[in-house]
Amino acid sequence: MKITREDLKDNKIKLTIEVEAARLALAIDEVYAKLAPTVKISGFRPGKAPKNIVEKEVGSERFQSEVLDIILPQTYYDAIVKENLEPVGAPEVKMISYVPSDGIKYEAVLETMPKVTVPDITKISVKKDKIEVGEKEILEVLVDLSRQLAKTVEVKRPAKAGDKLEIDFEGFIDNIAFDGGNGVMQPLVLGSGAFIPGFEEQLEGTKAKDEKEVVVTFPKEYHADNLKGKVATFKVKVNKVEEIIMPELTDAFAKEVGPFTDLATLKADIKKQLIFTKETQGRRKTEDEILAKIADKASFTVPETLIDQEQHRMFHDAESGLAQQGMTLEGYLSANNKTKEELEKEMRPEAEKRVKIGMILSQLSKDKGYKAGEIEIAKYLEDRIASTPEEQRDEAKKYYESHDGRHQLENAIIGNKVLEYIYETCTK
């Protein structure tokens, strides 16, 4: 096999590969052995007809295609191994000649991983955020907890902000009821902002068994396209009005919340949890800043194939996220006056940044010689399984014990080591 290499720009390489007739003949024989028993040819037992007759029976185009499906992957793999190349994605193949008596000749243009040179990260410095938790933040959590333990008492007086109502309602636009605009025995806390702006305020002053028409305008950025900016009339019946009685923040309250001896212990636990949350968020923010600075200083061309793959992933994630919010991609694009192509174009710089950072982290792990030991893998697997819903644990365990699953665990452990290294090196 003869290989001619031509280095192109942007990490692309063109290989011209010439395969001798003897090797091509082996692939032809393999295809013949596969197809001959599948065709019935008069005068021949199954599998015994000559090659030229079998090829004519199945069609030269199909026969040649089957041969190329065997010979191209084999010879392409041999070529990239011999040239010591690390391709990214599938090559673009162009057939130059196919003559069974002479062999085949084809071109394969492939994109390769560039040489990744990691900048001197000891010269990169990012200041960590100072973590503080004030009494106001602790009180906000206590108030949220007290709401969860609040009791309600039905009252006969007019409703006011802070009261809990139970209502039946039906919405109309231009005197026509619309989908999703009705509800029965719907709980509503006045002032909570759970309904469309202006809806709750109009129910203040109502009593149980009152009926009232509420007129509101849907926000222009509302998620349902058919309701954006529309004026709607809701016919509302108030079933009951309840006053919410909040518990006092005492030692007894703390004991009701959980295994706390007194209010001071509960507050200390809340503070601890808030600090942990802020530290986690702060660390993620600091890591992102460090990685962005490293990426800015790193100079290499990111393979277009990898950018395309990441852009596709981001687009798919965006679609899934919109679906979870009850929106379609078409609706989102229409609301934001964008085309699919414009959205993809907006995503591309971020996709390139993500791939570049991933390549830097991968190179750093190689430079530092980070590995995932058996004990580390076992511990990480144990933690993963423990955090998986019980009904999914058997399936998760089976996956992580597979080749792909184990590889994912190893990459996660090595990735954490790299992030720990850059965080400790670049923060002050």
Protein backbone atom coordinates (compact mmCIF):
# COMPACT_ATOMS: atom_id res chain seq x y z
CA MET A 1 0.00 0.00 0.00
CA LYS A 2 1.38 3.40 -0.98
CA ILE A 3 0.51 6.53 0.99
CA THR A 4 1.13 10.10 -0.18
CA ARG A 5 0.57 12.80 2.45
CA GLU A 6 -0.24 16.47 1.86
CA ASP A 7 -0.61 18.85 4.80
CA LEU A 8 -3.41 21.35 4.25
CA LYS A 9 -4.40 24.34 6.38
CA ASP A 10 -6.51 24.29 9.56
CA ASN A 11 -5.22 20.93 10.82
CA LYS A 12 -6.40 19.13 7.67
CA ILE A 13 -4.40 16.47 5.86
CA LYS A 14 -4.98 14.80 2.50
CA LEU A 15 -3.87 11.20 2.17
CA THR A 16 -3.70 9.64 -1.28
CA ILE A 17 -3.89 5.89 -0.72
CA GLU A 18 -3.06 3.31 -3.38
CA VAL A 19 -4.08 -0.28 -2.59
CA GLU A 20 -2.47 -3.11 -4.51
CA ALA A 21 -4.54 -5.58 -6.54
CA ALA A 22 -3.68 -8.52 -4.25
CA ARG A 23 -5.21 -6.83 -1.21
CA LEU A 24 -8.25 -5.71 -3.17
CA ALA A 25 -8.68 -9.33 -4.33
CA LEU A 26 -8.98 -10.45 -0.69
CA ALA A 27 -11.87 -8.02 -0.15
CA ILE A 28 -13.52 -9.17 -3.39
CA ASP A 29 -13.26 -12.78 -2.25
CA GLU A 30 -14.81 -11.88 1.09
CA VAL A 31 -17.77 -10.19 -0.58
CA TYR A 32 -18.17 -13.11 -2.98
CA ALA A 33 -18.22 -15.58 -0.05
CA LYS A 34 -20.91 -13.46 1.63
CA LEU A 35 -23.18 -12.90 -1.37
CA ALA A 36 -22.84 -16.11 -3.40
CA PRO A 37 -24.99 -18.27 -1.08
CA THR A 38 -27.75 -15.64 -1.11
CA VAL A 39 -28.46 -15.74 -4.86
CA LYS A 40 -30.08 -18.49 -6.89
CA ILE A 41 -28.48 -18.97 -10.31
CA SER A 42 -29.75 -21.60 -12.71
CA GLY A 43 -27.25 -24.40 -13.30
CA PHE A 44 -25.23 -23.75 -10.14
CA ARG A 45 -25.55 -24.98 -6.60
CA PRO A 46 -25.91 -22.20 -3.95
CA GLY A 47 -22.55 -20.55 -3.39
CA LYS A 48 -20.84 -22.24 -6.35
CA ALA A 49 -21.46 -19.77 -9.18
CA PRO A 50 -18.38 -17.90 -10.52
CA LYS A 51 -17.59 -14.40 -9.19
CA ASN A 52 -18.45 -12.61 -12.42
CA ILE A 53 -21.89 -14.25 -12.58
CA VAL A 54 -22.62 -13.52 -8.89
CA GLU A 55 -21.55 -9.90 -9.41
CA LYS A 56 -23.82 -9.60 -12.45
CA GLU A 57 -26.74 -11.15 -10.55
CA VAL A 58 -26.51 -8.84 -7.50
CA GLY A 59 -25.46 -5.85 -9.60
CA SER A 60 -21.99 -4.42 -10.12
CA GLU A 61 -22.83 -1.28 -8.13
CA ARG A 62 -23.88 -3.21 -5.05
CA PHE A 63 -20.97 -5.67 -5.36
CA GLN A 64 -18.42 -2.85 -5.62
CA SER A 65 -20.06 -0.97 -2.75
CA GLU A 66 -19.74 -4.04 -0.51
CA VAL A 67 -16.06 -4.37 -1.49
CA LEU A 68 -15.36 -0.72 -0.67
CA ASP A 69 -17.17 -1.05 2.65
CA ILE A 70 -14.51 -3.60 3.57
CA ILE A 71 -11.34 -2.26 1.96
CA LEU A 72 -11.70 1.47 2.69
CA PRO A 73 -11.98 1.29 6.52
CA GLN A 74 -9.13 -1.24 6.69
CA THR A 75 -6.70 0.69 4.52
CA TYR A 76 -7.66 4.09 5.95
CA TYR A 77 -6.99 2.80 9.48
CA ASP A 78 -3.65 1.36 8.40
CA ALA A 79 -2.75 4.70 6.79
CA ILE A 80 -3.49 6.87 9.85
CA VAL A 81 -1.59 4.44 12.08
CA LYS A 82 1.42 4.51 9.76
CA GLU A 83 1.32 8.32 9.55
CA ASN A 84 0.78 8.57 13.33
CA LEU A 85 -2.34 10.73 12.94
CA GLU A 86 -5.15 11.44 15.41
CA PRO A 87 -8.19 12.16 13.23
CA VAL A 88 -11.23 14.10 14.36
CA GLY A 89 -14.42 12.72 12.88
CA ALA A 90 -14.87 10.80 9.63
CA PRO A 91 -12.75 11.59 6.56
CA GLU A 92 -14.00 12.96 3.25
CA VAL A 93 -13.28 10.18 0.75
CA LYS A 94 -12.95 10.63 -2.99
CA MET A 95 -12.46 7.55 -5.21
CA ILE A 96 -9.88 8.08 -7.97
CA SER A 97 -9.78 4.62 -9.56
CA TYR A 98 -11.14 1.11 -9.03
CA VAL A 99 -9.73 -1.58 -11.30
CA PRO A 100 -9.72 -5.11 -9.81
CA SER A 101 -6.66 -6.09 -11.85
CA ASP A 102 -4.70 -2.98 -10.75
CA GLY A 103 -6.11 -2.15 -7.29
CA ILE A 104 -7.77 1.02 -6.05
CA LYS A 105 -6.66 4.60 -5.48
CA TYR A 106 -8.51 7.13 -3.37
CA GLU A 107 -8.10 10.37 -1.44
CA ALA A 108 -9.04 10.83 2.21
CA VAL A 109 -9.13 14.36 3.62
CA LEU A 110 -9.18 14.29 7.40
CA GLU A 111 -9.08 16.81 10.21
CA THR A 112 -6.59 16.09 12.97
CA MET A 113 -6.17 17.13 16.56
CA PRO A 114 -3.83 20.13 16.75
CA LYS A 115 -0.87 20.35 19.07
CA VAL A 116 -2.27 21.84 22.26
CA THR A 117 0.20 24.03 24.09
CA VAL A 118 -1.05 24.97 27.54
CA PRO A 119 0.00 28.48 28.65
CA ASP A 120 1.90 29.00 31.91
CA ILE A 121 -1.02 28.92 34.34
CA THR A 122 1.19 30.01 37.26
CA LYS A 123 0.98 33.50 35.70
CA ILE A 124 -2.82 33.47 35.81
CA SER A 125 -4.46 34.79 38.95
CA VAL A 126 -8.12 35.08 39.93
CA LYS A 127 -9.39 36.41 43.22
CA LYS A 128 -11.81 34.18 45.12
CA ASP A 129 -15.09 35.70 46.29
CA LYS A 130 -15.33 36.34 49.99
CA ILE A 131 -18.03 34.12 51.47
CA GLU A 132 -20.30 35.81 54.00
CA VAL A 133 -23.75 34.94 55.34
CA GLY A 134 -25.73 37.61 57.17
CA GLU A 135 -28.62 37.38 59.60
CA LYS A 136 -30.99 38.66 56.93
CA GLU A 137 -30.30 35.64 54.71
CA ILE A 138 -30.79 33.25 57.61
CA LEU A 139 -34.08 34.96 58.47
CA GLU A 140 -35.29 34.59 54.87
CA VAL A 141 -34.76 30.83 55.09
CA LEU A 142 -36.52 30.72 58.46
CA VAL A 143 -39.49 32.57 56.97
CA ASP A 144 -39.64 30.08 54.08
CA LEU A 145 -39.59 27.20 56.58
CA SER A 146 -42.31 28.84 58.64
CA ARG A 147 -44.49 29.13 55.53
CA GLN A 148 -44.18 25.37 55.05
CA LEU A 149 -45.40 24.81 58.62
CA ALA A 150 -48.03 27.54 58.54
CA LYS A 151 -51.64 26.74 59.43
CA THR A 152 -54.73 28.16 57.77
CA VAL A 153 -58.02 29.24 59.29
CA GLU A 154 -61.10 29.90 57.18
CA VAL A 155 -62.44 33.46 57.62
CA LYS A 156 -65.65 35.26 56.65
CA ARG A 157 -64.04 38.69 56.22
CA PRO A 158 -62.94 40.19 52.86
CA ALA A 159 -59.71 38.76 51.50
CA LYS A 160 -56.49 40.73 51.84
CA ALA A 161 -52.89 40.33 50.66
CA GLY A 162 -51.32 37.28 52.26
CA ASP A 163 -54.59 35.32 52.49
CA LYS A 164 -55.03 31.96 50.80
CA LEU A 165 -58.01 31.60 48.48
CA GLU A 166 -59.55 28.62 46.78
CA ILE A 167 -61.04 29.61 43.43
CA ASP A 168 -62.72 28.27 40.31
CA PHE A 169 -61.99 30.25 37.15
CA GLU A 170 -62.41 30.28 33.40
CA GLY A 171 -60.63 32.61 31.00
CA PHE A 172 -61.97 34.17 27.78
CA ILE A 173 -60.40 36.15 24.96
CA ASP A 174 -62.91 37.95 22.74
CA ASN A 175 -65.64 35.98 24.57
CA ILE A 176 -64.09 32.65 23.54
CA ALA A 177 -62.69 30.28 26.19
CA PHE A 178 -59.04 29.38 25.59
CA ASP A 179 -57.08 26.21 26.39
CA GLY A 180 -55.38 26.21 29.78
CA GLY A 181 -57.41 29.16 30.99
CA ASN A 182 -59.58 27.31 33.50
CA GLY A 183 -59.15 25.73 36.91
CA VAL A 184 -61.22 24.19 39.71
CA MET A 185 -60.51 24.43 43.45
CA GLN A 186 -57.26 26.22 42.62
CA PRO A 187 -55.30 27.45 45.67
CA LEU A 188 -53.95 30.98 45.42
CA VAL A 189 -52.05 33.12 47.94
CA LEU A 190 -52.78 36.78 47.25
CA GLY A 191 -49.56 38.66 46.64
CA SER A 192 -47.56 35.56 45.74
CA GLY A 193 -47.28 36.52 42.07
CA ALA A 194 -48.29 33.03 41.00
CA PHE A 195 -50.88 34.29 38.51
CA ILE A 196 -50.70 36.83 35.67
CA PRO A 197 -49.79 40.37 36.87
CA GLY A 198 -52.92 42.20 38.04
CA PHE A 199 -54.99 39.05 38.64
CA GLU A 200 -54.43 38.62 42.37
CA GLU A 201 -54.86 42.28 43.28
CA GLN A 202 -58.39 42.30 41.80
CA LEU A 203 -59.44 39.52 44.18
CA GLU A 204 -58.58 41.52 47.28
CA GLY A 205 -61.79 42.45 49.07
CA THR A 206 -63.73 39.41 47.87
CA LYS A 207 -65.42 36.96 50.22
CA ALA A 208 -66.30 33.28 50.05
CA LYS A 209 -69.01 32.55 47.41
CA ASP A 210 -68.34 35.87 45.64
CA GLU A 211 -68.16 35.84 41.84
CA LYS A 212 -66.07 38.38 40.02
CA GLU A 213 -64.78 39.16 36.56
CA VAL A 214 -61.05 39.84 36.45
CA VAL A 215 -59.57 41.56 33.39
CA VAL A 216 -55.83 41.23 32.74
CA THR A 217 -53.37 41.58 29.87
CA PHE A 218 -50.95 38.72 29.24
CA PRO A 219 -47.30 39.83 29.20
CA LYS A 220 -45.71 40.24 25.76
CA GLU A 221 -43.03 37.72 26.75
CA TYR A 222 -45.58 35.11 27.88
CA HIS A 223 -44.54 31.54 26.97
CA ALA A 224 -47.72 30.70 25.03
CA ASP A 225 -47.58 32.42 21.64
CA ASN A 226 -51.37 32.58 21.26
CA LEU A 227 -51.74 34.55 24.51
CA LYS A 228 -48.88 37.07 24.29
CA GLY A 229 -50.14 40.61 24.84
CA LYS A 230 -53.80 39.51 24.71
CA VAL A 231 -56.49 40.99 26.97
CA ALA A 232 -58.34 38.24 28.84
CA THR A 233 -61.43 38.19 31.04
CA PHE A 234 -61.57 35.60 33.81
CA LYS A 235 -64.83 34.61 35.47
CA VAL A 236 -63.79 33.77 39.02
CA LYS A 237 -65.74 32.17 41.86
CA VAL A 238 -64.20 32.38 45.34
CA ASN A 239 -64.91 29.14 47.21
CA LYS A 240 -63.25 30.13 50.46
CA VAL A 241 -60.88 32.59 52.09
CA GLU A 242 -58.28 31.43 54.61
CA GLU A 243 -55.94 33.39 56.82
CA ILE A 244 -52.41 32.02 56.95
CA ILE A 245 -51.10 31.83 60.50
CA MET A 246 -47.33 31.68 60.58
CA PRO A 247 -45.66 29.87 63.49
CA GLU A 248 -43.46 31.88 65.84
CA LEU A 249 -39.71 31.41 65.42
CA THR A 250 -39.08 29.65 68.71
CA ASP A 251 -37.23 26.59 70.02
CA ALA A 252 -40.46 24.61 69.57
CA PHE A 253 -40.53 25.68 65.90
CA ALA A 254 -36.94 24.46 65.43
CA LYS A 255 -37.84 21.05 66.87
CA GLU A 256 -40.79 20.81 64.49
CA VAL A 257 -38.55 21.59 61.50
CA GLY A 258 -36.11 18.75 62.22
CA PRO A 259 -33.71 17.21 64.72
CA PHE A 260 -32.73 20.53 66.30
CA THR A 261 -32.63 21.18 70.04
CA ASP A 262 -33.37 24.89 69.76
CA LEU A 263 -33.65 27.83 67.38
CA ALA A 264 -29.95 28.67 67.68
CA THR A 265 -29.01 25.19 66.47
CA LEU A 266 -31.38 25.50 63.52
CA LYS A 267 -29.92 28.89 62.59
CA ALA A 268 -26.39 27.49 62.80
CA ASP A 269 -27.37 24.66 60.46
CA ILE A 270 -28.99 27.10 58.02
CA LYS A 271 -25.85 29.23 58.05
CA LYS A 272 -23.70 26.17 57.38
CA GLN A 273 -25.87 25.17 54.40
CA LEU A 274 -25.86 28.70 53.00
CA ILE A 275 -22.07 28.87 53.27
CA PHE A 276 -21.74 25.52 51.51
CA THR A 277 -24.04 26.68 48.68
CA LYS A 278 -22.17 29.96 48.26
CA GLU A 279 -18.80 28.21 48.34
CA THR A 280 -19.95 25.75 45.67
CA GLN A 281 -21.35 28.51 43.46
CA GLY A 282 -18.32 30.71 44.09
CA ARG A 283 -15.91 27.93 43.22
CA ARG A 284 -17.73 27.19 39.97
CA LYS A 285 -17.66 30.89 39.07
CA THR A 286 -13.94 31.14 39.88
CA GLU A 287 -13.14 28.00 37.88
CA ASP A 288 -15.01 29.44 34.90
CA GLU A 289 -13.00 32.68 35.15
CA ILE A 290 -9.71 30.76 35.32
CA LEU A 291 -10.61 28.55 32.35
CA ALA A 292 -11.66 31.57 30.31
CA LYS A 293 -8.30 33.25 30.98
CA ILE A 294 -6.38 30.09 30.12
CA ALA A 295 -8.36 29.71 26.88
CA ASP A 296 -7.66 33.36 25.95
CA LYS A 297 -3.92 32.79 26.36
CA ALA A 298 -3.87 29.44 24.54
CA SER A 299 -3.13 29.70 20.84
CA PHE A 300 -4.20 26.79 18.64
CA THR A 301 -6.87 26.13 16.03
CA VAL A 302 -9.89 24.26 17.33
CA PRO A 303 -11.06 21.52 14.90
CA GLU A 304 -14.22 22.56 13.08
CA THR A 305 -15.60 19.03 13.42
CA LEU A 306 -15.52 19.24 17.22
CA ILE A 307 -17.09 22.69 17.17
CA ASP A 308 -19.89 21.35 14.95
CA GLN A 309 -20.49 18.47 17.36
CA GLU A 310 -20.60 20.75 20.41
CA GLN A 311 -22.85 23.24 18.61
CA HIS A 312 -25.23 20.39 17.76
CA ARG A 313 -25.23 19.31 21.42
CA MET A 314 -25.96 22.86 22.60
CA PHE A 315 -28.80 23.20 20.10
CA HIS A 316 -30.31 19.89 21.24
CA ASP A 317 -30.00 20.94 24.90
CA ALA A 318 -31.71 24.25 24.10
CA GLU A 319 -34.61 22.41 22.45
CA SER A 320 -34.96 20.09 25.46
CA GLY A 321 -34.87 23.04 27.87
CA LEU A 322 -37.60 24.85 25.97
CA ALA A 323 -39.73 21.71 25.92
CA GLN A 324 -39.48 21.43 29.70
CA GLN A 325 -40.82 25.00 29.90
CA GLY A 326 -43.73 24.10 27.65
CA MET A 327 -42.29 25.94 24.64
CA THR A 328 -41.32 24.85 21.16
CA LEU A 329 -38.19 25.88 19.31
CA GLU A 330 -40.35 27.39 16.58
CA GLY A 331 -42.23 29.44 19.17
CA TYR A 332 -39.01 30.66 20.77
CA LEU A 333 -37.53 31.66 17.43
CA SER A 334 -40.71 33.48 16.45
CA ALA A 335 -40.90 35.32 19.79
CA ASN A 336 -37.29 36.46 19.45
CA ASN A 337 -37.53 37.20 15.72
CA LYS A 338 -34.69 34.80 14.90
CA THR A 339 -34.07 32.00 12.45
CA LYS A 340 -32.60 28.61 13.29
CA GLU A 341 -29.45 29.58 11.39
CA GLU A 342 -29.08 32.80 13.40
CA LEU A 343 -29.44 30.91 16.69
CA GLU A 344 -26.82 28.36 15.59
CA LYS A 345 -24.49 31.18 14.61
CA GLU A 346 -24.91 32.78 18.05
CA MET A 347 -24.05 29.47 19.73
CA ARG A 348 -20.87 28.88 17.73
CA PRO A 349 -18.45 31.10 19.73
CA GLU A 350 -19.54 29.42 22.98
CA ALA A 351 -19.26 25.99 21.35
CA GLU A 352 -15.70 26.80 20.23
CA LYS A 353 -14.82 28.05 23.71
CA ARG A 354 -16.14 24.88 25.36
CA VAL A 355 -14.21 22.61 23.00
CA LYS A 356 -11.04 24.65 23.45
CA ILE A 357 -11.30 24.44 27.24
CA GLY A 358 -11.94 20.70 27.02
CA MET A 359 -8.83 20.23 24.89
CA ILE A 360 -6.74 22.28 27.33
CA LEU A 361 -7.96 20.26 30.31
CA SER A 362 -7.23 17.03 28.45
CA GLN A 363 -3.70 18.18 27.63
CA LEU A 364 -3.13 19.33 31.20
CA SER A 365 -4.14 15.92 32.52
CA LYS A 366 -1.58 14.32 30.18
CA ASP A 367 1.13 16.81 31.14
CA LYS A 368 0.51 16.19 34.85
CA GLY A 369 0.20 12.44 34.35
CA TYR A 370 -3.11 12.21 36.18
CA LYS A 371 -4.66 8.75 36.43
CA ALA A 372 -7.74 7.26 38.10
CA GLY A 373 -6.83 4.54 40.59
CA GLU A 374 -9.00 1.52 41.37
CA ILE A 375 -9.81 2.79 44.88
CA GLU A 376 -10.79 6.19 43.48
CA ILE A 377 -13.00 4.61 40.82
CA ALA A 378 -14.70 2.36 43.41
CA LYS A 379 -15.38 5.33 45.72
CA TYR A 380 -16.63 7.53 42.87
CA LEU A 381 -18.88 4.70 41.65
CA GLU A 382 -20.28 4.25 45.15
CA ASP A 383 -21.10 7.96 45.36
CA ARG A 384 -22.70 7.94 41.89
CA ILE A 385 -24.90 4.97 42.72
CA ALA A 386 -25.88 6.49 46.08
CA SER A 387 -27.03 9.69 44.35
CA THR A 388 -29.08 7.74 41.77
CA PRO A 389 -32.81 7.15 42.42
CA GLU A 390 -33.25 3.71 43.98
CA GLU A 391 -35.34 2.33 41.13
CA GLN A 392 -32.56 3.22 38.63
CA ARG A 393 -29.56 1.96 40.62
CA ASP A 394 -29.30 -1.51 39.08
CA GLU A 395 -29.32 -0.03 35.59
CA ALA A 396 -26.79 2.65 36.57
CA LYS A 397 -24.48 0.08 38.16
CA LYS A 398 -24.63 -2.06 35.03
CA TYR A 399 -23.73 0.95 32.86
CA TYR A 400 -20.81 2.11 35.00
CA GLU A 401 -19.38 -1.41 35.00
CA SER A 402 -19.38 -1.40 31.18
CA HIS A 403 -16.39 -0.17 29.16
CA ASP A 404 -18.06 3.17 28.31
CA GLY A 405 -19.31 3.67 31.86
CA ARG A 406 -15.93 2.98 33.41
CA HIS A 407 -14.29 5.34 30.90
CA GLN A 408 -16.76 8.05 31.93
CA LEU A 409 -15.90 7.54 35.61
CA GLU A 410 -12.17 7.71 34.89
CA ASN A 411 -12.58 10.91 32.87
CA ALA A 412 -14.66 12.49 35.65
CA ILE A 413 -12.03 11.67 38.30
CA ILE A 414 -9.16 12.94 36.14
CA GLY A 415 -11.18 16.05 35.26
CA ASN A 416 -11.72 16.80 38.95
CA LYS A 417 -7.98 16.47 39.57
CA VAL A 418 -7.19 18.93 36.79
CA LEU A 419 -9.75 21.44 38.07
CA GLU A 420 -8.38 21.11 41.60
CA TYR A 421 -4.87 21.76 40.29
CA ILE A 422 -5.76 24.91 38.34
CA TYR A 423 -7.95 26.21 41.17
CA GLU A 424 -5.19 25.86 43.75
CA THR A 425 -2.61 27.30 41.34
CA CYS A 426 -4.55 30.29 40.05
CA THR A 427 -6.52 31.55 43.06
CA LYS A 428 -5.47 33.92 45.80
